[in-house]
Amino acid sequence: MQALIDIFHSKYPNVEIINATVAGGAGANAKAVLKTRMLGGDPPDTFQVHAGHELIDTWVKTGFIEPITFLYKQEGWEKVMPKGILDIVSYNGQYWSVPVNIHRANVLWYNKKIFNENKLLPPKNFDEFFKVA
């Protein structure tokens, strides 16, 4: 976070940055503070959120944030970001978030030894997953 702040500050030294980080495991406290601020009409200029449904369903569809498609076009991000990333930060043809890191919580692992011993193939969809399971 500090590296991002430093880069921004070097480009825009006259813009004040207030890092209002909220301590707490897994972001639970931060989510509660963000919700309170949003509902109270005091939204932060920026905030951290998981892309996908947490972003779209919680903040986009409810009208709490504005699209930043202009920024994607201005900076050329549509040309350099993978389609999967663009898809997960977009809704109704607009972009709503800038990813600063990527991590996945919905990864599925399997034990190759068990699959090999039982002559099973890794599933490619949920129907195959439930059949193999």
Protein backbone atom coordinates (compact mmCIF):
# COMPACT_ATOMS: atom_id res chain seq x y z
CA MET A 1 0.00 0.00 0.00
CA GLN A 2 2.79 2.39 0.86
CA ALA A 3 4.42 1.80 -2.55
CA LEU A 4 1.17 2.86 -4.26
CA ILE A 5 0.91 5.92 -2.05
CA ASP A 6 4.52 6.85 -2.80
CA ILE A 7 4.01 6.57 -6.56
CA PHE A 8 0.80 8.61 -6.43
CA HIS A 9 2.41 11.25 -4.23
CA SER A 10 5.39 11.58 -6.59
CA LYS A 11 3.01 12.31 -9.48
CA TYR A 12 0.55 14.44 -7.52
CA PRO A 13 2.45 16.02 -4.60
CA ASN A 14 -0.31 18.52 -3.84
CA VAL A 15 -2.99 15.88 -3.28
CA GLU A 16 -3.43 14.89 0.35
CA ILE A 17 -3.65 11.15 0.99
CA ILE A 18 -5.26 9.89 4.16
CA ASN A 19 -4.65 6.20 4.72
CA ALA A 20 -7.69 5.23 6.78
CA THR A 21 -6.82 1.55 7.05
CA VAL A 22 -9.04 -0.37 9.46
CA ALA A 23 -7.33 -3.09 11.49
CA GLY A 24 -8.94 -6.50 11.82
CA GLY A 25 -8.60 -10.01 10.49
CA ALA A 26 -9.91 -10.91 7.04
CA GLY A 27 -11.28 -7.41 6.52
CA ALA A 28 -14.41 -7.97 8.61
CA ASN A 29 -13.90 -4.74 10.55
CA ALA A 30 -13.08 -2.81 7.38
CA LYS A 31 -16.23 -4.06 5.66
CA ALA A 32 -18.35 -2.95 8.61
CA VAL A 33 -16.75 0.51 8.64
CA LEU A 34 -17.14 0.82 4.86
CA LYS A 35 -20.83 -0.12 5.03
CA THR A 36 -21.43 2.41 7.81
CA ARG A 37 -19.69 5.14 5.84
CA MET A 38 -21.52 4.31 2.61
CA LEU A 39 -24.94 4.21 4.25
CA GLY A 40 -24.13 7.36 6.24
CA GLY A 41 -23.32 9.33 3.08
CA ASP A 42 -19.59 9.61 3.87
CA PRO A 43 -17.97 7.25 1.35
CA PRO A 44 -14.21 7.08 1.02
CA ASP A 45 -12.63 8.20 -2.25
CA THR A 46 -11.18 4.71 -2.66
CA PHE A 47 -11.49 1.44 -0.80
CA GLN A 48 -10.37 -2.16 -1.06
CA VAL A 49 -12.87 -4.80 -2.10
CA HIS A 50 -12.79 -8.24 -3.68
CA ALA A 51 -13.56 -8.14 -7.39
CA GLY A 52 -16.54 -10.08 -8.70
CA HIS A 53 -19.74 -10.48 -6.73
CA GLU A 54 -18.54 -8.62 -3.63
CA LEU A 55 -17.77 -5.58 -5.79
CA ILE A 56 -20.65 -5.82 -8.24
CA ASP A 57 -23.51 -7.03 -6.03
CA THR A 58 -22.64 -5.00 -2.96
CA TRP A 59 -21.52 -1.66 -4.38
CA VAL A 60 -22.22 -1.43 -8.13
CA LYS A 61 -25.79 -2.73 -8.42
CA THR A 62 -26.81 -0.72 -5.36
CA GLY A 63 -25.53 2.50 -6.92
CA PHE A 64 -22.94 3.36 -4.29
CA ILE A 65 -20.01 3.76 -6.69
CA GLU A 66 -19.41 5.24 -10.13
CA PRO A 67 -17.79 3.53 -13.11
CA ILE A 68 -14.18 4.29 -13.96
CA THR A 69 -14.28 3.15 -17.60
CA PHE A 70 -12.78 6.48 -18.65
CA LEU A 71 -9.65 5.62 -16.65
CA TYR A 72 -9.27 2.24 -18.35
CA LYS A 73 -9.51 3.90 -21.75
CA GLN A 74 -7.25 6.83 -20.81
CA GLU A 75 -4.52 4.54 -19.40
CA GLY A 76 -4.88 1.77 -22.01
CA TRP A 77 -5.59 -0.90 -19.40
CA GLU A 78 -8.07 -2.73 -21.65
CA LYS A 79 -5.14 -3.57 -23.91
CA VAL A 80 -2.82 -4.93 -21.21
CA MET A 81 -5.03 -6.61 -18.60
CA PRO A 82 -6.14 -10.21 -19.14
CA LYS A 83 -9.74 -10.65 -20.27
CA GLY A 84 -10.56 -12.63 -17.10
CA ILE A 85 -9.55 -9.68 -14.95
CA LEU A 86 -11.46 -7.22 -17.12
CA ASP A 87 -14.54 -9.44 -16.91
CA ILE A 88 -14.47 -9.65 -13.11
CA VAL A 89 -14.20 -5.86 -12.60
CA SER A 90 -16.85 -4.99 -15.18
CA TYR A 91 -20.64 -4.88 -15.22
CA ASN A 92 -23.00 -3.70 -17.95
CA GLY A 93 -20.10 -2.65 -20.16
CA GLN A 94 -18.44 -0.47 -17.52
CA TYR A 95 -15.35 -0.95 -15.33
CA TRP A 96 -15.71 -0.40 -11.60
CA SER A 97 -12.43 -1.33 -9.94
CA VAL A 98 -8.66 -1.25 -10.44
CA PRO A 99 -6.95 -4.45 -9.32
CA VAL A 100 -3.78 -3.84 -7.35
CA ASN A 101 -3.19 -7.48 -6.52
CA ILE A 102 -4.78 -10.75 -7.50
CA HIS A 103 -5.47 -13.71 -5.28
CA ARG A 104 -8.08 -16.40 -5.54
CA ALA A 105 -10.19 -17.93 -2.81
CA ASN A 106 -12.11 -20.31 -5.05
CA VAL A 107 -9.31 -22.67 -6.05
CA LEU A 108 -9.93 -26.40 -6.07
CA TRP A 109 -7.08 -28.81 -5.36
CA TYR A 110 -6.95 -32.55 -5.92
CA ASN A 111 -4.58 -35.35 -4.93
CA LYS A 112 -2.91 -36.68 -8.10
CA LYS A 113 -1.86 -39.91 -6.39
CA ILE A 114 -5.45 -40.77 -5.40
CA PHE A 115 -6.74 -39.84 -8.86
CA ASN A 116 -4.06 -41.97 -10.54
CA GLU A 117 -4.63 -44.94 -8.21
CA ASN A 118 -8.37 -44.84 -8.97
CA LYS A 119 -7.99 -44.00 -12.68
CA LEU A 120 -9.91 -40.75 -12.25
CA LEU A 121 -9.63 -37.67 -14.44
CA PRO A 122 -9.71 -34.18 -12.93
CA PRO A 123 -13.19 -32.73 -13.46
CA LYS A 124 -13.65 -29.89 -15.95
CA ASN A 125 -17.08 -28.76 -14.74
CA PHE A 126 -19.35 -29.19 -11.72
CA ASP A 127 -21.26 -32.15 -13.19
CA GLU A 128 -17.95 -34.04 -13.53
CA PHE A 129 -16.87 -32.82 -10.10
CA PHE A 130 -19.92 -34.30 -8.38
CA LYS A 131 -19.58 -37.53 -10.36
CA VAL A 132 -15.93 -37.93 -9.34
CA ALA A 133 -16.64 -36.90 -5.75
